[in-house]
Protein backbone atom coordinates (compact mmCIF):
# COMPACT_ATOMS: atom_id res chain seq x y z
CA MET A 1 14.37 -22.38 21.55
CA SER A 2 11.12 -21.76 19.72
CA ARG A 3 10.88 -22.27 15.98
CA THR A 4 8.41 -20.57 13.75
CA ALA A 5 6.69 -22.68 11.16
CA ARG A 6 7.45 -21.84 7.58
CA PRO A 7 4.44 -20.80 5.51
CA THR A 8 3.01 -23.46 3.27
CA PRO A 9 3.25 -23.03 -0.51
CA ARG A 10 -0.53 -22.47 -0.65
CA THR A 11 -0.36 -19.70 1.98
CA SER A 12 2.56 -18.08 0.17
CA SER A 13 0.79 -18.18 -3.18
CA ARG A 14 -2.37 -16.62 -1.70
CA TRP A 15 -0.28 -13.81 -0.25
CA LEU A 16 1.50 -13.25 -3.58
CA VAL A 17 -1.73 -13.18 -5.59
CA GLY A 18 -3.38 -10.80 -3.11
CA SER A 19 -0.45 -8.39 -2.86
CA GLY A 20 0.23 -5.38 -5.02
CA LYS A 21 3.22 -5.86 -7.27
CA VAL A 22 5.51 -3.43 -9.07
CA VAL A 23 7.40 -4.63 -12.12
CA LEU A 24 10.30 -2.55 -13.41
CA SER A 25 10.32 -2.77 -17.20
CA SER A 26 11.02 -0.58 -20.19
CA THR A 27 9.45 -3.10 -22.59
CA LEU A 28 6.23 -4.39 -21.00
CA ALA A 29 3.08 -2.44 -21.79
CA GLN A 30 0.75 -4.64 -19.73
CA ALA A 31 1.23 -7.15 -16.96
CA PRO A 32 -0.46 -10.54 -17.18
CA TRP A 33 -0.75 -10.61 -13.37
CA GLU A 34 -3.48 -9.12 -11.19
CA ARG A 35 -2.68 -6.15 -8.92
CA THR A 36 0.45 -5.27 -10.91
CA THR A 37 1.85 -1.89 -11.87
CA ILE A 38 4.54 -1.57 -14.52
CA VAL A 39 7.05 1.22 -13.97
CA ASP A 40 9.78 2.43 -16.30
CA LYS A 41 11.96 4.32 -13.81
CA PRO A 42 15.24 3.60 -11.99
CA ALA A 43 14.82 1.02 -9.20
CA ALA A 44 16.11 3.37 -6.49
CA GLU A 45 13.54 6.01 -7.46
CA VAL A 46 10.71 3.46 -7.47
CA ALA A 47 11.77 2.15 -4.03
CA GLU A 48 11.83 5.70 -2.65
CA ASP A 49 8.35 6.38 -4.03
CA LEU A 50 6.98 3.15 -2.57
CA GLU A 51 8.51 3.75 0.84
CA ALA A 52 6.91 7.20 0.90
CA THR A 53 3.40 5.74 0.43
CA GLU A 54 1.10 4.80 3.28
CA GLY A 55 2.37 1.61 4.89
CA GLY A 56 5.86 2.11 3.47
CA ASP A 57 6.69 -1.57 3.84
CA ILE A 58 8.09 -3.04 0.65
CA ARG A 59 9.54 -6.47 0.01
């Protein structure tokens, strides 16, 4: 049985910093994180919108 190596914390943090992020909030006006969009809409609606974009892969 083959086992895949788990990503290292450094690899994971690079991925997180480099990825686009969507924060659901009705109170934040700005995000302190790079590549972040703040959205004040229901989660299901935001997920639908994201899935409809090019790539469509959300996590």
